[in-house]
Each structure stands twice: as structure tokens, then as C-alpha cells.
């Protein structure tokens, strides 16, 4: 099999589409200069890589095991605020212990793991629909606690003075710092992808897919279904907590606005567009949805009769429309396996 056959999509077709998009963008009224676009592209690239970390864990949970987790942003937020509170130096009306950033990074993962273990132990025996409701509710509870306990988290103002270990040592200007950040986060994503892909393709992954297909049959074959599901749930929580810590270290601050339900929507839409269970496909799906956000973020400048809040709602509606079309005409996603997922195109 050739290298081209191993690609999750036709590279030639993708290249043609990219050229057409670039030409349309170049002659459109919301064109941005190359330097400005590069800076914006790198910023979106950082977010893509952080969301990709969450998606890698979520795909193992849902795509390979069938766990409907609608609350990955809860672990994202817990990891972010744990890292921020442990490492921030004299934040305004919030807790800041000024500890070294590696301590905050490790603690963020451990606290997310603890929350994942607690939530998984108490909910993974529920049916898929109940699990979805509980995880979504936990995400909203976490967000509400962040807003409510202002003396601890800074509330809606946020928590500042967090160290920036990736960008700060570079000292080469905003563009150089962003590029260095993308390289570091990209390396972490490649490592995480490699580990989780190895899990999904090993005999361990075959057990997970058997649980997704029919957990009663897997249990009959002697597999400890609940233990597998709990471990997978904790894996996803850990990598989401890591992503949250990296986000606050990148921004130098933590804010409730970083950890809204929009994060859950983006990663889920990306996974469903790409095809749940396809490790490369879900990342391509995330690139599609975030590319859509990138190319439409300037449209508000040429539509002055629409306010920013209204424009944000319109963009979200378009995302929902795209998802509806995918579910209607290709429910397994662009690169998903309909037979494995048990859906009909």
C-alpha cells in the first residue's frame, strides 16, 4: 500500500480546495495582510492544538469505547484553574501560591484525574443518555463554581499573573513567541496522538471497540468492562486537564470565558464531522470546523448592520447547520467507518 493510500483523505483534492479558498479569500473584502493573517493563523493554531489534545482523549472515550462524555470542558477548566491558582503571583482578588510552573502542570493533571475517577466511578454504570446528561451538568456546575467563588478563582474577572513558560524565554517578539508555542504544543500533540493511537490499535483497543459494540458480550468473554471504561474515562480527563494547564500558561491568565460550553461543542462537532473512531479523521474534522471559524471571523467587519453578539450567534447557527448536514447525509463522518459505528449512510 502506498503512502498516499494511508492518508485519511485525498491530498490532491484537499490541495485544490485550499487553493480555491485562498484565491477567494485573497480577493474578498475581509482580506488581511500576510503578516496579520500569519499572526492570526498562529493564534488559531495554538487553540487548535489545545483542542486537539482534548479531542484525542474524547475520541478514545466515545469513538473507541462508546462513552458519551458531554463534559470534557469540565476537566479542561479544572486543569486550567488548578495550574493558575498554584502558580499565579499576587493575582487580583484570587488565590495565587506562586509555585513553580511544573508543579502547577503536574497538579492540573492529577486533579483532573481525581475528578475523572470520581465522576467515572459514580456515573459509568449509567446508560449513555444519562451519562451524557450528568457529564454536561458537571461541566455547567464547574463553570458556575468558577463564577461564584470570586475570592478563590477571580470570578468573571479572571485570575492573572500566571507564568508563561513557553513564550517568555523566547524574547523574539509576538510572532516568534507564537511560533515557538505552536512548535511545543505541536510536539505534545504528536506525542499524545502516538500514545492514544497505539492504545486504540493494540489488543487493548480491540477490547474497547468490543465494549462499544456490545458491553454485555464483552463481559461474557471475561473482560472487566467497568474497569476498562473507568480507565478510558480517566485517560480523557487527564489529557483535558493537561490542555487546560497549557492554555493558562499560554495566556498568562485564567478566565471563565476560556472554559465555556463552546469548547465542548467545537470538539464534538469536529469529531462527528471527521468520523468518531478514526484517529486522524477527527483531527481533520476539528481542522475543518476551526478553519471555518478562522475564515469567517472577519465577516462582521463587512456586515455593519449585525452586532458582534448577533454575528457570533449566526456563526454558531452555521456550525449547527453543517453538523446537521453531516448527520443527515454521512452520519459516520467524512472518514468514519459506518459498519464499525453501526450507522447507515
Protein backbone atom coordinates (compact mmCIF):
# COMPACT_ATOMS: atom_id res chain seq x y z
CA UNK A 1 0.00 0.00 0.00
CA UNK A 2 1.39 3.38 -0.96
CA UNK A 3 1.87 6.31 1.37
CA UNK A 4 -0.95 8.15 -0.39
CA UNK A 5 -3.34 5.29 0.39
CA UNK A 6 -2.54 5.71 4.08
CA UNK A 7 -3.79 9.30 4.09
CA UNK A 8 -7.21 9.89 5.69
CA UNK A 9 -8.31 11.93 2.66
CA UNK A 10 -7.24 12.64 -0.90
CA UNK A 11 -4.33 15.07 -0.60
CA UNK A 12 -4.72 16.26 -4.21
CA UNK A 13 -8.37 17.18 -3.71
CA UNK A 14 -7.54 18.86 -0.41
CA UNK A 15 -4.82 20.88 -2.12
CA UNK A 16 -7.20 22.03 -4.84
CA UNK A 17 -9.76 23.08 -2.23
CA UNK A 18 -7.12 25.01 -0.30
CA UNK A 19 -6.01 26.86 -3.43
CA UNK A 20 -9.60 27.83 -4.26
CA UNK A 21 -10.23 29.01 -0.69
CA UNK A 22 -7.01 31.01 -0.73
CA UNK A 23 -7.96 32.75 -4.00
CA UNK A 24 -11.47 33.56 -2.76
CA UNK A 25 -10.03 34.92 0.46
CA UNK A 26 -7.37 36.95 -1.37
CA UNK A 27 -9.95 38.87 -3.39
CA UNK A 28 -12.59 39.08 -0.68
CA UNK A 29 -13.43 42.28 1.29
CA UNK A 30 -12.19 40.73 4.56
CA UNK A 31 -8.66 40.12 3.29
CA UNK A 32 -5.93 40.57 5.92
CA UNK A 33 -2.29 41.29 5.13
CA UNK A 34 0.05 38.27 5.10
CA UNK A 35 1.77 39.37 8.31
CA UNK A 36 -1.53 39.95 10.07
CA UNK A 37 -3.01 36.71 8.79
CA UNK A 38 0.09 34.77 9.87
CA UNK A 39 -0.25 36.11 13.40
CA UNK A 40 -3.96 35.23 13.49
CA UNK A 41 -3.29 31.82 11.95
CA UNK A 42 -0.73 31.02 14.64
CA UNK A 43 -3.15 32.11 17.36
CA UNK A 44 -5.85 29.83 15.98
CA UNK A 45 -3.20 27.13 15.57
CA UNK A 46 -2.48 27.24 19.30
CA UNK A 47 -6.17 26.80 20.10
CA UNK A 48 -6.42 24.01 17.53
CA UNK A 49 -3.57 22.10 19.18
CA UNK A 50 -5.06 22.54 22.67
CA UNK A 51 -8.49 21.42 21.50
CA UNK A 52 -6.83 18.56 19.62
CA UNK A 53 -5.46 17.27 22.94
CA UNK A 54 -8.99 17.23 24.37
CA UNK A 55 -10.31 15.58 21.20
CA UNK A 56 -7.70 12.83 21.27
CA UNK A 57 -8.95 11.77 24.69
CA UNK A 58 -12.61 12.27 23.78
CA UNK A 59 -12.22 10.12 20.67
CA UNK A 60 -10.81 7.29 22.79
CA UNK A 61 -13.80 7.64 25.10
CA UNK A 62 -16.59 7.93 22.53
CA UNK A 63 -15.12 6.82 19.21
CA UNK A 64 -13.47 3.65 20.54
CA UNK A 65 -15.37 2.86 23.76
CA UNK A 66 -18.78 4.44 23.27
CA UNK A 67 -18.73 6.68 26.34
CA UNK A 68 -20.89 9.74 25.69
CA UNK A 69 -18.97 12.43 27.56
CA UNK A 70 -20.52 15.87 27.09
CA UNK A 71 -18.35 17.41 29.78
CA UNK A 72 -14.72 17.43 28.58
CA UNK A 73 -14.62 21.18 29.28
CA UNK A 74 -15.06 20.40 32.99
CA UNK A 75 -11.66 18.70 33.14
CA UNK A 76 -10.24 21.38 30.85
CA UNK A 77 -11.36 24.04 33.34
CA UNK A 78 -10.27 22.14 36.44
CA UNK A 79 -6.80 21.64 35.00
CA UNK A 80 -6.54 25.26 33.95
CA UNK A 81 -7.63 26.76 37.25
CA UNK A 82 -5.55 24.32 39.29
CA UNK A 83 -2.43 25.35 37.39
CA UNK A 84 -3.35 29.03 37.61
CA UNK A 85 -4.05 29.10 41.34
CA UNK A 86 -0.88 27.21 42.19
CA UNK A 87 1.45 29.32 40.05
CA UNK A 88 -0.08 32.83 39.91
CA UNK A 89 1.86 35.59 41.66
CA UNK A 90 -0.31 38.03 43.64
CA UNK A 91 -3.43 37.85 41.45
CA UNK A 92 -6.17 40.41 41.99
CA UNK A 93 -8.75 39.04 44.49
CA UNK A 94 -7.93 35.40 43.85
CA UNK A 95 -5.74 32.60 45.17
CA UNK A 96 -2.17 32.53 43.89
CA UNK A 97 0.52 30.40 45.57
CA UNK A 98 3.42 31.40 43.26
CA UNK A 99 4.72 27.84 42.96
CA UNK A 100 6.94 26.79 40.02
CA UNK A 101 5.02 26.10 36.82
CA UNK A 102 5.99 22.37 36.63
CA UNK A 103 4.22 21.89 39.97
CA UNK A 104 1.11 23.53 38.55
CA UNK A 105 1.27 21.41 35.40
CA UNK A 106 1.53 18.12 37.28
CA UNK A 107 -1.12 19.15 39.80
CA UNK A 108 -3.51 20.10 36.98
CA UNK A 109 -3.30 16.61 35.53
CA UNK A 110 -3.64 14.93 38.94
CA UNK A 111 -6.69 16.99 39.94
CA UNK A 112 -8.33 16.30 36.57
CA UNK A 113 -7.58 12.58 37.05
CA UNK A 114 -9.12 12.68 40.53
CA UNK A 115 -12.27 14.36 39.21
CA UNK A 116 -12.42 11.91 36.30
CA UNK A 117 -12.07 8.92 38.63
CA UNK A 118 -14.75 10.26 40.99
CA UNK A 119 -17.16 11.11 38.20
CA UNK A 120 -16.46 7.90 36.29
CA UNK A 121 -16.85 5.66 39.32
CA UNK A 122 -20.25 7.18 40.09
CA UNK A 123 -21.67 7.50 36.55
CA UNK A 124 -20.21 4.93 34.17
CA UNK A 125 -22.81 2.35 35.13
CA UNK A 126 -25.48 4.67 33.76
CA UNK A 127 -26.93 4.36 30.25
CA UNK A 128 -25.40 6.52 27.52
CA UNK A 129 -28.12 9.18 27.62
CA UNK A 130 -27.90 9.54 31.41
CA UNK A 131 -24.11 9.67 31.24
CA UNK A 132 -24.34 12.46 28.67
CA UNK A 133 -26.70 14.46 30.88
CA UNK A 134 -24.58 14.01 34.01
CA UNK A 135 -21.31 14.99 32.34
CA UNK A 136 -22.94 18.04 30.77
CA UNK A 137 -24.36 19.03 34.14
CA UNK A 138 -20.98 18.66 35.83
CA UNK A 139 -19.41 20.93 33.23
CA UNK A 140 -22.02 23.61 33.94
CA UNK A 141 -21.58 23.17 37.70
CA UNK A 142 -17.82 23.67 37.39
CA UNK A 143 -18.36 26.81 35.33
CA UNK A 144 -20.87 28.10 37.90
CA UNK A 145 -18.44 27.48 40.76
CA UNK A 146 -15.73 29.40 38.94
CA UNK A 147 -18.02 32.41 38.60
CA UNK A 148 -19.42 32.17 42.14
CA UNK A 149 -16.25 31.79 44.24
CA UNK A 150 -14.71 35.10 43.23
CA UNK A 151 -12.25 35.23 46.15
CA UNK A 152 -10.72 31.95 45.01
CA UNK A 153 -10.94 31.99 41.21
CA UNK A 154 -11.31 35.70 40.47
CA UNK A 155 -14.88 35.14 39.23
CA UNK A 156 -15.76 36.72 35.91
CA UNK A 157 -12.68 39.00 36.13
CA UNK A 158 -10.34 36.03 36.00
CA UNK A 159 -7.03 35.15 37.56
CA UNK A 160 -3.92 36.86 36.19
CA UNK A 161 -0.15 36.95 36.75
CA UNK A 162 0.25 33.32 35.71
CA UNK A 163 3.74 32.43 34.41
CA UNK A 164 4.21 31.88 30.67
CA UNK A 165 6.96 29.24 30.47
CA UNK A 166 6.65 28.59 26.74
CA UNK A 167 6.61 32.09 25.27
CA UNK A 168 8.51 34.16 27.83
CA UNK A 169 12.04 32.74 27.38
CA UNK A 170 12.00 33.27 23.61
CA UNK A 171 12.03 37.05 23.74
CA UNK A 172 11.85 37.39 19.98
CA UNK A 173 8.60 39.31 19.69
CA UNK A 174 5.00 38.17 19.50
CA UNK A 175 5.39 36.28 16.23
CA UNK A 176 8.45 34.34 17.39
CA UNK A 177 6.80 33.52 20.71
CA UNK A 178 3.67 32.27 18.97
CA UNK A 179 5.70 30.17 16.55
CA UNK A 180 7.68 28.63 19.42
CA UNK A 181 4.43 27.90 21.27
CA UNK A 182 2.96 26.18 18.20
CA UNK A 183 6.08 24.02 17.88
CA UNK A 184 6.00 22.96 21.53
CA UNK A 185 2.28 22.26 21.58
CA UNK A 186 2.53 20.51 18.21
CA UNK A 187 5.19 18.18 19.61
CA UNK A 188 2.97 17.41 22.63
CA UNK A 189 0.02 16.69 20.32
CA UNK A 190 2.09 14.34 18.20
CA UNK A 191 3.23 12.52 21.35
CA UNK A 192 -0.32 12.28 22.71
CA UNK A 193 -1.63 11.14 19.34
CA UNK A 194 1.04 8.45 19.16
CA UNK A 195 0.26 7.12 22.64
CA UNK A 196 -3.52 7.09 22.21
CA UNK A 197 -3.32 5.71 18.66
CA UNK A 198 -1.10 2.90 19.93
CA UNK A 199 -3.70 2.16 22.61
CA UNK A 200 -6.53 2.07 20.08
CA UNK A 201 -4.70 -0.22 17.63
CA UNK A 202 -3.34 -2.63 20.25
CA UNK A 203 -5.34 -5.56 21.65
CA UNK A 204 -6.46 -3.11 24.34
CA UNK A 205 -8.19 -1.09 21.64
CA UNK A 206 -9.97 -4.17 20.32
CA UNK A 207 -11.44 -4.71 23.76
CA UNK A 208 -12.62 -1.09 23.81
CA UNK A 209 -14.35 -1.49 20.45
CA UNK A 210 -15.96 -4.71 21.67
CA UNK A 211 -17.34 -2.78 24.64
CA UNK A 212 -18.65 -0.10 22.30
CA UNK A 213 -20.36 -2.72 20.13
CA UNK A 214 -21.91 -4.72 22.99
CA UNK A 215 -20.57 -4.49 26.52
CA UNK A 216 -22.64 -7.48 27.68
CA UNK A 217 -20.92 -9.71 25.17
CA UNK A 218 -17.53 -8.32 26.22
CA UNK A 219 -18.37 -9.07 29.86
CA UNK A 220 -19.43 -12.60 28.91
CA UNK A 221 -15.98 -13.08 27.37
CA UNK A 222 -14.41 -12.29 30.73
CA UNK A 223 -13.50 -8.63 30.15
CA UNK A 224 -13.83 -6.31 33.14
CA UNK A 225 -15.98 -3.80 31.31
CA UNK A 226 -16.41 -1.25 34.08
CA UNK A 227 -12.66 -1.15 34.75
CA UNK A 228 -11.89 -0.56 31.08
CA UNK A 229 -14.46 2.22 30.87
CA UNK A 230 -13.20 3.88 34.05
CA UNK A 231 -9.57 3.83 32.89
CA UNK A 232 -10.51 5.29 29.49
CA UNK A 233 -12.57 7.99 31.18
CA UNK A 234 -9.61 8.90 33.38
CA UNK A 235 -7.27 8.97 30.37
CA UNK A 236 -9.52 11.52 28.68
CA UNK A 237 -9.81 13.58 31.87
CA UNK A 238 -6.02 13.64 32.31
CA UNK A 239 -5.25 14.91 28.82
CA UNK A 240 -8.03 17.52 29.06
CA UNK A 241 -6.57 18.74 32.36
CA UNK A 242 -3.16 18.98 30.71
CA UNK A 243 -4.65 21.04 27.88
CA UNK A 244 -6.28 23.38 30.41
CA UNK A 245 -3.00 23.98 32.19
CA UNK A 246 -1.24 24.66 28.88
CA UNK A 247 -3.94 27.16 27.94
CA UNK A 248 -3.47 29.28 31.09
CA UNK A 249 0.30 29.10 30.75
CA UNK A 250 -0.05 30.30 27.17
CA UNK A 251 -2.39 33.17 28.07
CA UNK A 252 -0.75 34.05 31.36
CA UNK A 253 -4.23 34.09 32.92
CA UNK A 254 -7.30 32.00 33.62
CA UNK A 255 -10.79 33.22 32.88
CA UNK A 256 -14.23 31.64 32.91
CA UNK A 257 -14.59 32.73 29.28
CA UNK A 258 -11.87 30.25 28.28
CA UNK A 259 -13.88 27.29 29.58
CA UNK A 260 -17.42 27.61 28.24
CA UNK A 261 -19.74 25.08 26.64
CA UNK A 262 -18.41 26.30 23.27
CA UNK A 263 -15.30 24.16 23.83
CA UNK A 264 -17.43 21.03 24.16
CA UNK A 265 -19.40 21.98 21.04
CA UNK A 266 -16.27 22.54 18.94
CA UNK A 267 -14.56 19.28 19.85
CA UNK A 268 -17.74 17.23 19.47
CA UNK A 269 -18.58 18.81 16.11
CA UNK A 270 -15.02 18.22 14.94
CA UNK A 271 -15.20 14.57 15.98
CA UNK A 272 -18.56 13.97 14.32
CA UNK A 273 -17.50 15.70 11.10
CA UNK A 274 -14.24 13.77 10.87
CA UNK A 275 -15.67 10.43 11.94
CA UNK A 276 -15.62 9.12 15.51
CA UNK A 277 -13.13 6.30 15.95
CA UNK A 278 -10.84 7.48 13.16
CA UNK A 279 -7.86 8.97 15.00
CA UNK A 280 -6.69 11.09 12.07
CA UNK A 281 -10.16 11.81 10.77
CA UNK A 282 -11.33 13.51 13.97
CA UNK A 283 -8.35 15.85 13.87
CA UNK A 284 -9.15 16.67 10.26
CA UNK A 285 -12.74 17.36 11.31
CA UNK A 286 -11.52 19.71 14.03
CA UNK A 287 -9.35 21.48 11.45
CA UNK A 288 -12.43 21.93 9.24
CA UNK A 289 -14.57 23.49 11.95
CA UNK A 290 -11.79 25.73 13.23
CA UNK A 291 -10.84 26.67 9.68
CA UNK A 292 -14.44 27.72 9.19
CA UNK A 293 -14.21 29.90 12.30
CA UNK A 294 -10.95 31.40 11.08
CA UNK A 295 -12.25 32.31 7.63
CA UNK A 296 -15.50 33.80 8.94
CA UNK A 297 -14.18 35.81 11.88
CA UNK A 298 -13.70 38.93 9.71
CA UNK A 299 -17.13 38.88 8.07
CA UNK A 300 -18.54 41.08 10.81
CA UNK A 301 -16.36 43.94 9.51
CA UNK A 302 -18.24 43.90 6.20
CA UNK A 303 -21.66 43.38 7.79
CA UNK A 304 -22.03 46.52 9.93
CA UNK A 305 -25.80 46.04 10.34
CA UNK A 306 -25.15 42.96 12.54
CA UNK A 307 -23.81 43.40 16.06
CA UNK A 308 -20.94 41.28 17.34
CA UNK A 309 -23.26 39.25 19.58
CA UNK A 310 -25.64 38.61 16.69
CA UNK A 311 -22.75 37.67 14.40
CA UNK A 312 -21.46 35.17 16.97
CA UNK A 313 -24.92 33.60 17.08
CA UNK A 314 -25.07 33.40 13.28
CA UNK A 315 -21.69 31.65 13.16
CA UNK A 316 -22.88 29.15 15.77
CA UNK A 317 -26.03 28.54 13.73
CA UNK A 318 -23.93 27.83 10.65
CA UNK A 319 -21.87 25.34 12.65
CA UNK A 320 -25.09 23.64 13.72
CA UNK A 321 -26.29 23.56 10.12
CA UNK A 322 -23.04 21.96 9.00
CA UNK A 323 -23.39 19.32 11.71
CA UNK A 324 -27.00 18.61 10.71
CA UNK A 325 -25.95 18.07 7.10
CA UNK A 326 -23.17 15.69 8.16
CA UNK A 327 -25.50 13.69 10.40
CA UNK A 328 -28.18 13.58 7.70
CA UNK A 329 -26.08 12.58 4.73
CA UNK A 330 -22.98 10.99 6.29
CA UNK A 331 -23.68 10.04 9.91
CA UNK A 332 -20.39 8.19 10.28
CA UNK A 333 -18.48 11.38 9.43
CA UNK A 334 -16.28 12.13 6.45
CA UNK A 335 -13.69 9.46 7.31
CA UNK A 336 -15.56 7.27 9.77
CA UNK A 337 -16.37 3.59 9.35
CA UNK A 338 -20.16 3.16 9.12
CA UNK A 339 -20.01 -0.59 9.81
CA UNK A 340 -17.95 -0.21 12.97
CA UNK A 341 -20.06 2.68 14.26
CA UNK A 342 -23.30 0.83 13.46
CA UNK A 343 -24.82 3.64 11.41
CA UNK A 344 -26.31 3.80 7.94
CA UNK A 345 -25.22 6.42 5.40
